C-alpha atoms as a PDB file:
ATOM      1  CA  MET A   1      -9.163  -6.181   9.504  1.00  0.00           C
ATOM      2  CA  LEU A   2     -10.195  -7.089   5.951  1.00  0.00           C
ATOM      3  CA  LEU A   3      -8.313  -4.330   4.142  1.00  0.00           C
ATOM      4  CA  THR A   4      -4.785  -5.498   3.393  1.00  0.00           C
ATOM      5  CA  ASN A   5      -3.198  -2.400   1.919  1.00  0.00           C
ATOM      6  CA  THR A   6      -3.615   1.375   1.693  1.00  0.00           C
ATOM      7  CA  ILE A   7      -2.420   3.208  -1.410  1.00  0.00           C
ATOM      8  CA  ASN A   8      -2.266   7.000  -1.280  1.00  0.00           C
ATOM      9  CA  LEU A   9      -2.903   8.541  -4.694  1.00  0.00           C
ATOM     10  CA  PHE A  10      -3.440  12.169  -5.566  1.00  0.00           C
ATOM     11  CA  PRO A  11      -5.739  13.645  -2.875  1.00  0.00           C
ATOM     12  CA  THR A  12      -7.326  10.333  -1.854  1.00  0.00           C
ATOM     13  CA  THR A  13      -6.702   6.745  -0.807  1.00  0.00           C
ATOM     14  CA  ILE A  14      -7.286   3.453  -2.582  1.00  0.00           C
ATOM     15  CA  PHE A  15      -7.930   0.440  -0.364  1.00  0.00           C
ATOM     16  CA  GLU A  16      -6.949  -3.072  -1.334  1.00  0.00           C
ATOM     17  CA  SER A  17      -8.204  -6.403  -0.020  1.00  0.00           C
ATOM     18  CA  TYR A  18      -7.479 -10.028  -0.880  1.00  0.00           C
ATOM     19  CA  LYS A  19      -9.955 -12.888  -0.700  1.00  0.00           C
ATOM     20  CA  GLU A  20     -10.492 -15.970  -2.820  1.00  0.00           C
ATOM     21  CA  PHE A  21     -13.966 -16.884  -4.011  1.00  0.00           C
ATOM     22  CA  ASP A  22     -15.085 -19.828  -6.115  1.00  0.00           C
ATOM     23  CA  ASN A  23     -14.180 -18.607  -9.600  1.00  0.00           C
ATOM     24  CA  ASP A  24     -16.447 -21.162 -11.248  1.00  0.00           C
ATOM     25  CA  ILE A  25     -19.451 -19.636  -9.452  1.00  0.00           C
ATOM     26  CA  LEU A  26     -18.385 -16.083 -10.327  1.00  0.00           C
ATOM     27  CA  ILE A  27     -17.804 -16.860 -14.004  1.00  0.00           C
ATOM     28  CA  ALA A  28     -21.072 -18.798 -14.264  1.00  0.00           C
ATOM     29  CA  ALA A  29     -22.915 -15.760 -12.857  1.00  0.00           C
ATOM     30  CA  ILE A  30     -21.219 -13.492 -15.401  1.00  0.00           C
ATOM     31  CA  ASP A  31     -21.833 -15.814 -18.352  1.00  0.00           C
ATOM     32  CA  SER A  32     -25.529 -16.204 -17.513  1.00  0.00           C
ATOM     33  CA  ASN A  33     -26.044 -12.419 -17.445  1.00  0.00           C
ATOM     34  CA  ILE A  34     -24.154 -11.087 -20.480  1.00  0.00           C
ATOM     35  CA  ASN A  35     -25.720  -7.903 -21.839  1.00  0.00           C
ATOM     36  CA  ASP A  36     -23.988  -7.746 -25.210  1.00  0.00           C
ATOM     37  CA  LYS A  37     -21.961 -10.404 -27.010  1.00  0.00           C
ATOM     38  CA  GLY A  38     -19.314 -10.074 -29.671  1.00  0.00           C
ATOM     39  CA  GLU A  39     -17.553  -7.001 -28.294  1.00  0.00           C
ATOM     40  CA  GLN A  40     -13.924  -6.803 -27.177  1.00  0.00           C
ATOM     41  CA  CYS A  41     -15.150  -5.473 -23.833  1.00  0.00           C
ATOM     42  CA  THR A  42     -18.419  -7.081 -22.750  1.00  0.00           C
ATOM     43  CA  LEU A  43     -20.421  -6.181 -19.638  1.00  0.00           C
ATOM     44  CA  THR A  44     -23.228  -8.012 -17.894  1.00  0.00           C
ATOM     45  CA  TYR A  45     -26.419  -6.352 -16.768  1.00  0.00           C
ATOM     46  CA  PRO A  46     -25.673  -4.410 -13.537  1.00  0.00           C
ATOM     47  CA  ASP A  47     -27.770  -6.660 -11.285  1.00  0.00           C
ATOM     48  CA  LEU A  48     -25.330  -9.380 -10.192  1.00  0.00           C
ATOM     49  CA  HIS A  49     -25.825  -8.247  -6.580  1.00  0.00           C
ATOM     50  CA  TYR A  50     -29.269  -9.925  -6.731  1.00  0.00           C
ATOM     51  CA  ASN A  51     -27.729 -13.291  -7.628  1.00  0.00           C
ATOM     52  CA  ASP A  52     -27.946 -15.538  -4.544  1.00  0.00           C
ATOM     53  CA  THR A  53     -24.831 -17.493  -5.542  1.00  0.00           C
ATOM     54  CA  LEU A  54     -22.801 -14.274  -5.160  1.00  0.00           C
ATOM     55  CA  LYS A  55     -24.076 -13.448  -1.664  1.00  0.00           C
ATOM     56  CA  PRO A  56     -20.705 -14.210   0.015  1.00  0.00           C
ATOM     57  CA  MET A  57     -19.013 -11.695  -2.302  1.00  0.00           C
ATOM     58  CA  HIS A  58     -21.900  -9.220  -1.880  1.00  0.00           C
ATOM     59  CA  ASP A  59     -21.531  -9.309   1.916  1.00  0.00           C
ATOM     60  CA  TYR A  60     -17.733  -9.081   1.769  1.00  0.00           C
ATOM     61  CA  ILE A  61     -17.932  -5.994  -0.463  1.00  0.00           C
ATOM     62  CA  LEU A  62     -20.190  -4.287   2.083  1.00  0.00           C
ATOM     63  CA  ASP A  63     -17.792  -5.220   4.907  1.00  0.00           C
ATOM     64  CA  ILE A  64     -14.695  -3.831   3.181  1.00  0.00           C
ATOM     65  CA  SER A  65     -16.615  -0.731   2.060  1.00  0.00           C
ATOM     66  CA  MET A  66     -17.588  -0.071   5.682  1.00  0.00           C
ATOM     67  CA  GLU A  67     -13.946  -0.447   6.749  1.00  0.00           C
ATOM     68  CA  ALA A  68     -12.820   1.963   4.033  1.00  0.00           C
ATOM     69  CA  SER A  69     -15.484   4.508   4.980  1.00  0.00           C
ATOM     70  CA  LYS A  70     -14.493   4.369   8.650  1.00  0.00           C
ATOM     71  CA  ALA A  71     -10.793   4.703   7.712  1.00  0.00           C
ATOM     72  CA  TRP A  72     -11.683   7.981   5.968  1.00  0.00           C
ATOM     73  CA  GLY A  73     -13.310   9.195   9.188  1.00  0.00           C
ATOM     74  CA  TYR A  74     -16.991   8.668   8.424  1.00  0.00           C
ATOM     75  CA  ALA A  75     -19.553   7.342  10.897  1.00  0.00           C
ATOM     76  CA  GLU A  76     -20.658   3.727  10.587  1.00  0.00           C
ATOM     77  CA  GLN A  77     -23.975   3.592   8.753  1.00  0.00           C
ATOM     78  CA  PRO A  78     -25.896   1.179   6.510  1.00  0.00           C
ATOM     79  CA  MET A  79     -24.648   0.756   2.952  1.00  0.00           C
ATOM     80  CA  GLU A  80     -26.143  -1.075  -0.006  1.00  0.00           C
ATOM     81  CA  LEU A  81     -24.900  -2.190  -3.371  1.00  0.00           C
ATOM     82  CA  LYS A  82     -26.462  -0.031  -6.080  1.00  0.00           C
ATOM     83  CA  GLY A  83     -25.206  -2.190  -8.924  1.00  0.00           C
ATOM     84  CA  MET A  84     -22.762  -5.004  -9.607  1.00  0.00           C
ATOM     85  CA  TRP A  85     -21.649  -6.240 -13.027  1.00  0.00           C
ATOM     86  CA  GLY A  86     -19.124  -8.492 -14.681  1.00  0.00           C
ATOM     87  CA  VAL A  87     -16.619  -7.383 -17.317  1.00  0.00           C
ATOM     88  CA  ARG A  88     -14.954  -9.632 -19.917  1.00  0.00           C
ATOM     89  CA  SER A  89     -12.240  -8.026 -22.050  1.00  0.00           C
ATOM     90  CA  THR A  90     -10.445  -9.704 -24.931  1.00  0.00           C
ATOM     91  CA  LYS A  91      -7.576  -8.434 -27.083  1.00  0.00           C
ATOM     92  CA  HIS A  92      -7.794  -4.651 -27.685  1.00  0.00           C
ATOM     93  CA  GLY A  93     -10.748  -4.393 -25.289  1.00  0.00           C
ATOM     94  CA  GLY A  94     -10.746  -1.939 -22.380  1.00  0.00           C
ATOM     95  CA  LEU A  95     -12.745   0.765 -20.609  1.00  0.00           C
ATOM     96  CA  LYS A  96     -12.263   4.492 -21.271  1.00  0.00           C
ATOM     97  CA  GLN A  97     -11.755   7.058 -18.509  1.00  0.00           C
ATOM     98  CA  HIS A  98     -14.931   7.414 -16.435  1.00  0.00           C
ATOM     99  CA  GLY A  99     -16.320   7.963 -12.934  1.00  0.00           C
ATOM    100  CA  HIS A 100     -19.461   6.790 -11.152  1.00  0.00           C
ATOM    101  CA  PRO A 101     -21.360   9.964 -10.163  1.00  0.00           C
ATOM    102  CA  GLY A 102     -24.233   9.690  -7.705  1.00  0.00           C
ATOM    103  CA  ASN A 103     -22.607   6.856  -5.779  1.00  0.00           C
ATOM    104  CA  TRP A 104     -20.585   6.728  -2.575  1.00  0.00           C
ATOM    105  CA  LEU A 105     -17.866   4.163  -3.283  1.00  0.00           C
ATOM    106  CA  CYS A 106     -17.056   1.809  -6.090  1.00  0.00           C
ATOM    107  CA  GLY A 107     -14.597  -0.964  -6.691  1.00  0.00           C
ATOM    108  CA  CYS A 108     -13.493  -3.967  -8.655  1.00  0.00           C
ATOM    109  CA  TYR A 109     -12.465  -7.564  -8.056  1.00  0.00           C
ATOM    110  CA  TYR A 110     -10.168  -9.417 -10.446  1.00  0.00           C
ATOM    111  CA  ILE A 111     -11.109 -12.994 -11.252  1.00  0.00           C
ATOM    112  CA  ASP A 112      -8.692 -13.760 -14.056  1.00  0.00           C
ATOM    113  CA  VAL A 113      -6.009 -11.340 -15.237  1.00  0.00           C
ATOM    114  CA  HIS A 114      -2.638 -11.343 -16.979  1.00  0.00           C
ATOM    115  CA  GLU A 115       0.470 -10.008 -15.254  1.00  0.00           C
ATOM    116  CA  GLU A 116       0.507  -7.080 -17.723  1.00  0.00           C
ATOM    117  CA  ASP A 117      -3.003  -5.855 -16.762  1.00  0.00           C
ATOM    118  CA  HIS A 118      -3.546  -2.638 -14.766  1.00  0.00           C
ATOM    119  CA  ILE A 119      -6.300  -0.364 -13.582  1.00  0.00           C
ATOM    120  CA  ILE A 120      -5.493   3.289 -14.221  1.00  0.00           C
ATOM    121  CA  PHE A 121      -6.533   6.142 -11.926  1.00  0.00           C
ATOM    122  CA  HIS A 122      -6.636   9.701 -13.277  1.00  0.00           C
ATOM    123  CA  ASP A 123      -5.636  12.776 -11.299  1.00  0.00           C
ATOM    124  CA  PRO A 124      -8.890  14.552 -10.314  1.00  0.00           C
ATOM    125  CA  ARG A 125      -7.161  17.904  -9.835  1.00  0.00           C
ATOM    126  CA  SER A 126      -8.400  19.439 -13.078  1.00  0.00           C
ATOM    127  CA  ARG A 127      -5.913  22.311 -13.115  1.00  0.00           C
ATOM    128  CA  ALA A 128      -2.924  20.467 -11.665  1.00  0.00           C
ATOM    129  CA  MET A 129      -1.394  19.723 -15.038  1.00  0.00           C
ATOM    130  CA  SER A 130      -2.262  22.985 -16.823  1.00  0.00           C
ATOM    131  CA  VAL A 131       1.415  23.966 -16.619  1.00  0.00           C
ATOM    132  CA  GLN A 132       3.660  20.919 -16.641  1.00  0.00           C
ATOM    133  CA  PRO A 133       7.442  21.378 -16.459  1.00  0.00           C
ATOM    134  CA  ILE A 134       9.749  18.631 -17.693  1.00  0.00           C
ATOM    135  CA  VAL A 135       9.643  15.807 -15.141  1.00  0.00           C
ATOM    136  CA  GLU A 136      12.837  14.432 -13.635  1.00  0.00           C
ATOM    137  CA  GLU A 137      11.183  11.894 -11.328  1.00  0.00           C
ATOM    138  CA  TRP A 138       7.526  10.856 -11.478  1.00  0.00           C
ATOM    139  CA  ASN A 139       5.648  10.905  -8.149  1.00  0.00           C
ATOM    140  CA  ASP A 140       2.128  11.400  -6.738  1.00  0.00           C
ATOM    141  CA  PHE A 141       2.417  15.166  -7.088  1.00  0.00           C
ATOM    142  CA  ASN A 142       3.405  15.419 -10.732  1.00  0.00           C
ATOM    143  CA  ARG A 143       1.946  12.417 -12.527  1.00  0.00           C
ATOM    144  CA  PRO A 144      -1.442  12.704 -14.255  1.00  0.00           C
ATOM    145  CA  VAL A 145      -2.250   8.990 -13.951  1.00  0.00           C
ATOM    146  CA  ALA A 146      -1.339   6.116 -11.656  1.00  0.00           C
ATOM    147  CA  LYS A 147      -1.363   2.447 -12.645  1.00  0.00           C
ATOM    148  CA  LEU A 148      -2.136  -0.281 -10.131  1.00  0.00           C
ATOM    149  CA  LYS A 149      -1.521  -3.877 -11.080  1.00  0.00           C
ATOM    150  CA  ALA A 150      -4.608  -6.004 -11.588  1.00  0.00           C
ATOM    151  CA  LYS A 151      -4.111  -9.087  -9.406  1.00  0.00           C
ATOM    152  CA  ASN A 152      -6.212 -12.226  -9.205  1.00  0.00           C
ATOM    153  CA  ASN A 153      -8.503 -12.352  -6.141  1.00  0.00           C
ATOM    154  CA  HIS A 154      -7.791  -8.713  -5.254  1.00  0.00           C
ATOM    155  CA  PHE A 155     -10.281  -5.951  -4.556  1.00  0.00           C
ATOM    156  CA  TYR A 156      -9.725  -2.232  -5.049  1.00  0.00           C
ATOM    157  CA  ILE A 157     -12.096   0.146  -3.248  1.00  0.00           C
ATOM    158  CA  PHE A 158     -12.097   3.862  -4.097  1.00  0.00           C
ATOM    159  CA  PRO A 159     -14.311   6.979  -4.114  1.00  0.00           C
ATOM    160  CA  SER A 160     -16.834   7.026  -6.939  1.00  0.00           C
ATOM    161  CA  TRP A 161     -15.648  10.459  -8.105  1.00  0.00           C
ATOM    162  CA  LEU A 162     -12.113   9.183  -8.821  1.00  0.00           C
ATOM    163  CA  GLU A 163     -12.014   8.647 -12.567  1.00  0.00           C
ATOM    164  CA  HIS A 164     -10.431   5.452 -13.786  1.00  0.00           C
ATOM    165  CA  SER A 165      -9.938   3.348 -16.885  1.00  0.00           C
ATOM    166  CA  THR A 166      -8.394   0.066 -17.974  1.00  0.00           C
ATOM    167  CA  GLU A 167      -5.633  -0.519 -20.453  1.00  0.00           C
ATOM    168  CA  SER A 168      -6.578  -2.210 -23.687  1.00  0.00           C
ATOM    169  CA  VAL A 169      -5.770  -5.904 -23.523  1.00  0.00           C
ATOM    170  CA  LYS A 170      -2.453  -6.397 -25.314  1.00  0.00           C
ATOM    171  CA  HIS A 171      -2.132 -10.155 -24.823  1.00  0.00           C
ATOM    172  CA  ASP A 172      -4.167 -13.163 -25.916  1.00  0.00           C
ATOM    173  CA  LYS A 173      -5.648 -13.925 -22.492  1.00  0.00           C
ATOM    174  CA  GLU A 174      -9.114 -12.754 -21.464  1.00  0.00           C
ATOM    175  CA  ARG A 175      -9.391 -10.346 -18.524  1.00  0.00           C
ATOM    176  CA  VAL A 176     -12.381 -11.050 -16.247  1.00  0.00           C
ATOM    177  CA  SER A 177     -13.507  -8.888 -13.340  1.00  0.00           C
ATOM    178  CA  ILE A 178     -16.519  -7.795 -11.311  1.00  0.00           C
ATOM    179  CA  SER A 179     -17.231  -4.142 -10.460  1.00  0.00           C
ATOM    180  CA  TRP A 180     -19.834  -2.452  -8.278  1.00  0.00           C
ATOM    181  CA  ASN A 181     -21.228   0.782  -6.835  1.00  0.00           C
ATOM    182  CA  ILE A 182     -22.158   1.478  -3.227  1.00  0.00           C
ATOM    183  CA  LYS A 183     -25.267   3.565  -2.544  1.00  0.00           C
ATOM    184  CA  LEU A 184     -24.944   6.862  -0.723  1.00  0.00           C
ATOM    185  CA  PRO A 185     -25.406   6.510   3.046  1.00  0.00           C
ATOM    186  CA  ASP A 186     -28.952   7.048   4.306  1.00  0.00           C
ATOM    187  CA  GLN A 187     -27.994   9.919   6.591  1.00  0.00           C
ATOM    188  CA  LEU A 188     -26.014  12.527   4.697  1.00  0.00           C
ATOM    189  CA  SER A 189     -23.972  15.337   6.181  1.00  0.00           C
ATOM    190  CA  GLY A 190     -25.323  18.854   6.048  1.00  0.00           C
ATOM    191  CA  GLY A 191     -22.162  19.903   4.262  1.00  0.00           C
ATOM    192  CA  TYR A 192     -19.840  22.639   5.448  1.00  0.00           C
ATOM    193  CA  GLY A 193     -22.176  23.509   8.300  1.00  0.00           C
ATOM    194  CA  ASP A 194     -21.180  20.279  10.033  1.00  0.00           C
ATOM    195  CA  TYR A 195     -17.480  21.037   9.788  1.00  0.00           C
ATOM    196  CA  GLY A 196     -16.154  22.202  13.169  1.00  0.00           C
END
């Protein structure tokens, strides 16, 4: 079992896994593939999954994605990485709310983070907060966002439709991570007709 934790949020589940990789290799791969320099949030080209030095991480991502898919009740089937990229964020840098449409799963791995860093997940129930009474105690039913701590050597795996963002860096340390998308399975369901 590679998945170390299950986090129930909104109408879905986030899976967490822990594994250490050689950070020097990961950072070298990111630095050699930077797409744009000089920004507070800099991304590499989304082709790190073709880098042979990252094959151990590539294979591990596919393994934990398969475990997550099976935990949701889906049949075991081939999966491929559709894209993988590095992210370097410096002070005031961060990523706005977004999703990854056209993919099956996505995730992130934290290489170097500060204890104040989080990934933020946004409630996908578009009408859930249209009428919001005063909150006495925040919980999964009434909160519009959920923050999960960014932790070194930790993976988060989640559905591609679940919108997410990152807080702007408020400290003087750089935040470094790798993110990816998983291609849709080869054999797709017929939709509601398959539901018994």
